Amino acid sequence: MKNKTIFITGNRKGIGLHLTKYYLAQGYNVLGCSRKESSFSHENYRHFLCDVADEKSVNEVIRQAKKVFNGIDILINNAGIASLNHSLLTPGSTVRNVFETNFYGSFFFSRECAKAMRNNGGRIVNFSTVAVPLNLEGEMVYASSKAAIEKMTKILAKELADYKITVNALGPSPIYTDLIKVIPKDKIDELLHQQAIHRLGELEDVENVIDFFISPKSSFITGQIIYLGGL
């Protein structure tokens, strides 16, 4: 994939950082962003400071980013935050923060990167979660923000098809990252029991789905959501 460029949001740590290293090893150019400085460096990587929920910041970052490697071919909307709380105990500020980061951020980056992709087609990969189809108690706000991303994925897939841009999403089962460290073990075990395959997801499982979505052979695959673990 020499000369292909991927933008990965929220990649200072966790899944985003893992994907950054993985795709650099595959020969891609990689762009990334986070709200804090990144200590990671590589000759084919550039990092930007950006709050994905800030529309003006996103617009400026993409304006600069598309000049670095002469365009953007693939967007991975990885940036996201979670909330685990009963709905009656959830403050409005939490709802706002989760939706602004998860949904607004994914929309702003999809819109601006699509403009940079329009001449040669491209790939957009969003992140959902198994919490959407499982309707998990205590994750109403988080799951709702991801359900909105799923609907965005399906409609954007239609709106961008004429530009040869595909839009898909994956819904990971729990993977041991900062997002699930605060979730009690019994809750994780309960969720895993609802999967056909009763184990935590691995980073390699995420790689596999993204590789499928961004493959040149997947130009006819769009508007799809793949959940890990077998629901």
Protein backbone atom coordinates (compact mmCIF):
# COMPACT_ATOMS: atom_id res chain seq x y z
CA MET A 1 0.00 0.00 0.00
CA LYS A 2 2.94 2.30 -0.75
CA ASN A 3 1.84 5.95 -0.95
CA LYS A 4 -1.66 5.26 0.42
CA THR A 5 -2.49 7.57 3.34
CA ILE A 6 -4.66 6.73 6.36
CA PHE A 7 -5.98 9.23 8.92
CA ILE A 8 -6.67 7.63 12.32
CA THR A 9 -8.43 9.75 14.93
CA GLY A 10 -7.80 9.37 18.66
CA ASN A 11 -4.57 7.45 18.12
CA ARG A 12 -2.32 8.58 20.97
CA LYS A 13 -2.90 5.27 22.77
CA GLY A 14 -5.00 2.10 22.79
CA ILE A 15 -6.52 0.73 19.59
CA GLY A 16 -5.65 3.87 17.65
CA LEU A 17 -1.94 3.69 18.44
CA HIS A 18 -1.89 -0.03 17.70
CA LEU A 19 -3.50 0.57 14.29
CA THR A 20 -1.04 3.39 13.59
CA LYS A 21 1.94 1.10 14.12
CA TYR A 22 0.25 -1.75 12.25
CA TYR A 23 -0.46 0.27 9.10
CA LEU A 24 2.94 1.95 9.10
CA ALA A 25 4.43 -1.56 9.11
CA GLN A 26 2.23 -2.36 6.08
CA GLY A 27 3.76 0.53 4.15
CA TYR A 28 1.02 3.14 4.53
CA ASN A 29 1.55 6.80 5.33
CA VAL A 30 -0.37 7.58 8.52
CA LEU A 31 -1.84 10.79 9.93
CA GLY A 32 -3.30 10.97 13.41
CA CYS A 33 -4.73 13.27 16.03
CA SER A 34 -5.50 13.54 19.72
CA ARG A 35 -6.20 16.24 22.30
CA LYS A 36 -2.74 15.75 23.82
CA GLU A 37 0.74 15.54 22.33
CA SER A 38 1.85 12.11 21.14
CA SER A 39 5.29 10.69 21.96
CA PHE A 40 5.16 8.37 18.94
CA SER A 41 7.25 9.27 15.92
CA HIS A 42 7.97 7.71 12.53
CA GLU A 43 9.22 9.10 9.23
CA ASN A 44 5.88 8.31 7.56
CA TYR A 45 3.71 9.60 10.39
CA ARG A 46 2.42 13.08 11.27
CA HIS A 47 0.46 13.95 14.40
CA PHE A 48 -2.00 16.81 14.94
CA LEU A 49 -3.52 18.26 18.09
CA CYS A 50 -7.28 18.28 17.67
CA ASP A 51 -10.50 18.09 19.65
CA VAL A 52 -12.64 16.00 17.30
CA ALA A 53 -15.78 17.65 18.69
CA ASP A 54 -14.56 21.10 17.60
CA GLU A 55 -15.69 21.66 14.02
CA LYS A 56 -13.28 24.51 13.31
CA SER A 57 -10.36 22.51 14.68
CA VAL A 58 -11.26 19.50 12.52
CA ASN A 59 -11.57 21.66 9.42
CA GLU A 60 -8.15 23.22 10.00
CA VAL A 61 -6.47 19.89 10.77
CA ILE A 62 -7.77 18.29 7.57
CA ARG A 63 -6.75 21.38 5.58
CA GLN A 64 -3.19 20.92 6.82
CA ALA A 65 -3.18 17.12 6.86
CA LYS A 66 -4.11 16.59 3.22
CA LYS A 67 -0.99 18.52 2.19
CA VAL A 68 1.43 16.29 4.11
CA PHE A 69 1.19 13.19 1.90
CA ASN A 70 -0.75 14.75 -0.99
CA GLY A 71 -4.23 13.64 0.04
CA ILE A 72 -6.11 11.24 2.27
CA ASP A 73 -7.23 7.81 1.02
CA ILE A 74 -8.66 6.19 4.16
CA LEU A 75 -10.26 7.49 7.36
CA ILE A 76 -10.55 5.40 10.52
CA ASN A 77 -12.86 7.15 13.01
CA ASN A 78 -11.40 5.62 16.15
CA ALA A 79 -11.75 8.52 18.62
CA GLY A 80 -14.39 7.82 21.23
CA ILE A 81 -15.34 7.93 24.90
CA ALA A 82 -17.63 5.69 26.93
CA SER A 83 -20.04 6.15 29.82
CA LEU A 84 -21.22 3.44 32.19
CA ASN A 85 -24.09 4.66 34.35
CA HIS A 86 -27.80 4.20 34.96
CA SER A 87 -29.82 6.62 32.84
CA LEU A 88 -31.46 8.19 35.91
CA LEU A 89 -28.03 9.05 37.30
CA THR A 90 -26.51 10.39 34.08
CA PRO A 91 -25.97 14.18 33.96
CA GLY A 92 -26.60 16.15 30.80
CA SER A 93 -22.93 17.08 30.58
CA THR A 94 -22.04 13.40 30.14
CA VAL A 95 -24.60 12.96 27.38
CA ARG A 96 -23.25 16.02 25.61
CA ASN A 97 -19.59 14.97 25.92
CA VAL A 98 -20.22 11.43 24.67
CA PHE A 99 -22.26 12.54 21.66
CA GLU A 100 -19.91 15.38 20.76
CA THR A 101 -16.85 13.13 20.80
CA ASN A 102 -18.35 9.98 19.32
CA PHE A 103 -20.95 11.20 16.84
CA TYR A 104 -20.02 14.81 16.07
CA GLY A 105 -16.34 13.90 15.81
CA SER A 106 -17.00 11.02 13.42
CA PHE A 107 -19.29 13.19 11.31
CA PHE A 108 -16.91 16.16 11.10
CA PHE A 109 -13.97 13.96 10.08
CA SER A 110 -16.06 11.93 7.61
CA ARG A 111 -17.34 15.09 5.95
CA GLU A 112 -13.95 16.78 5.65
CA CYS A 113 -11.98 13.69 4.66
CA ALA A 114 -14.59 12.79 2.04
CA LYS A 115 -13.92 16.15 0.40
CA ALA A 116 -10.22 15.26 0.26
CA MET A 117 -11.00 11.80 -1.19
CA ARG A 118 -13.50 12.77 -3.86
CA ASN A 119 -11.20 12.69 -6.90
CA ASN A 120 -9.92 9.14 -6.44
CA GLY A 121 -12.46 7.42 -4.21
CA GLY A 122 -11.64 6.33 -0.68
CA ARG A 123 -12.60 4.38 2.41
CA ILE A 124 -14.23 5.48 5.67
CA VAL A 125 -14.34 3.06 8.60
CA ASN A 126 -16.35 3.98 11.70
CA PHE A 127 -16.40 2.37 15.13
CA SER A 128 -19.66 1.12 16.64
CA THR A 129 -19.98 -1.41 19.48
CA VAL A 130 -21.79 -4.64 20.36
CA ALA A 131 -23.54 -2.56 23.04
CA VAL A 132 -25.90 -1.36 20.27
CA PRO A 133 -27.52 -4.68 19.27
CA LEU A 134 -27.27 -6.07 22.81
CA ASN A 135 -29.06 -3.05 24.34
CA LEU A 136 -26.77 -3.19 27.36
CA GLU A 137 -28.09 -1.73 30.60
CA GLY A 138 -25.94 1.06 31.98
CA GLU A 139 -24.61 1.95 28.52
CA MET A 140 -27.60 3.82 27.14
CA VAL A 141 -25.74 7.03 26.31
CA TYR A 142 -22.68 5.31 24.85
CA ALA A 143 -24.75 2.82 22.83
CA SER A 144 -27.05 5.59 21.59
CA SER A 145 -24.11 7.61 20.31
CA LYS A 146 -22.83 4.55 18.46
CA ALA A 147 -26.30 3.77 17.09
CA ALA A 148 -26.24 7.25 15.60
CA ILE A 149 -22.88 6.41 14.02
CA GLU A 150 -24.39 3.26 12.50
CA LYS A 151 -27.20 5.27 10.92
CA MET A 152 -24.67 7.84 9.70
CA THR A 153 -22.63 5.00 8.19
CA LYS A 154 -25.57 3.66 6.19
CA ILE A 155 -26.71 7.05 4.87
CA LEU A 156 -23.20 8.34 4.11
CA ALA A 157 -22.59 5.11 2.19
CA LYS A 158 -25.40 6.10 -0.17
CA GLU A 159 -24.49 9.78 -0.34
CA LEU A 160 -20.81 9.11 -1.11
CA ALA A 161 -21.22 6.13 -3.44
CA ASP A 162 -21.10 8.31 -6.55
CA TYR A 163 -17.65 9.49 -5.44
CA LYS A 164 -16.47 5.86 -5.14
CA ILE A 165 -16.11 6.27 -1.38
CA THR A 166 -17.21 3.32 0.74
CA VAL A 167 -18.41 3.77 4.33
CA ASN A 168 -18.55 0.86 6.76
CA ALA A 169 -18.35 0.23 10.50
CA LEU A 170 -17.17 -2.43 12.91
CA GLY A 171 -18.62 -3.15 16.33
CA PRO A 172 -15.98 -4.64 18.61
CA SER A 173 -16.80 -6.83 21.56
CA PRO A 174 -14.86 -5.84 24.71
CA ILE A 175 -11.14 -5.42 24.09
CA TYR A 176 -8.88 -4.71 27.03
CA THR A 177 -8.17 -1.00 26.60
CA ASP A 178 -8.69 2.10 28.77
CA LEU A 179 -12.34 2.19 27.67
CA ILE A 180 -13.25 -0.99 29.58
CA LYS A 181 -10.88 -0.81 32.56
CA VAL A 182 -13.63 0.80 34.64
CA ILE A 183 -16.27 -1.83 33.81
CA PRO A 184 -16.78 -4.45 36.58
CA LYS A 185 -15.64 -7.98 35.72
CA ASP A 186 -19.11 -9.43 36.23
CA LYS A 187 -20.49 -7.03 33.62
CA ILE A 188 -17.81 -8.07 31.14
CA ASP A 189 -18.48 -11.77 31.82
CA GLU A 190 -22.22 -11.23 31.33
CA LEU A 191 -21.59 -9.59 27.97
CA LEU A 192 -19.17 -12.28 26.81
CA HIS A 193 -21.76 -14.94 27.66
CA GLN A 194 -24.11 -13.37 25.10
CA GLN A 195 -21.55 -13.80 22.33
CA ALA A 196 -21.25 -16.98 20.28
CA ILE A 197 -17.50 -16.94 21.01
CA HIS A 198 -16.99 -16.38 24.74
CA ARG A 199 -13.77 -14.38 24.86
CA LEU A 200 -12.50 -10.82 24.81
CA GLY A 201 -11.71 -9.41 21.41
CA GLU A 202 -8.09 -9.07 20.30
CA LEU A 203 -6.48 -6.19 18.46
CA GLU A 204 -5.84 -8.59 15.59
CA ASP A 205 -9.61 -9.11 15.27
CA VAL A 206 -10.03 -5.38 14.72
CA GLU A 207 -7.17 -5.32 12.18
CA ASN A 208 -8.84 -8.12 10.23
CA VAL A 209 -12.15 -6.31 9.77
CA ILE A 210 -10.52 -3.00 8.86
CA ASP A 211 -8.22 -4.76 6.38
CA PHE A 212 -11.32 -6.23 4.73
CA PHE A 213 -13.11 -2.88 4.52
CA ILE A 214 -10.13 -0.98 3.06
CA SER A 215 -8.99 -3.67 0.64
CA PRO A 216 -9.08 -2.70 -3.05
CA LYS A 217 -11.21 -5.83 -3.50
CA SER A 218 -13.91 -4.34 -1.22
CA SER A 219 -15.02 -1.54 -3.55
CA PHE A 220 -18.50 -3.17 -3.70
CA ILE A 221 -18.84 -3.36 0.12
CA THR A 222 -20.49 -0.33 1.69
CA GLY A 223 -23.03 0.59 4.36
CA GLN A 224 -22.19 -2.51 6.40
CA ILE A 225 -21.67 -3.06 10.14
CA ILE A 226 -19.68 -6.10 11.28
CA TYR A 227 -19.89 -7.08 14.96
CA LEU A 228 -17.14 -9.13 16.52
CA GLY A 229 -17.77 -12.21 18.65
CA GLY A 230 -20.85 -13.56 16.91
CA LEU A 231 -24.03 -12.09 18.37
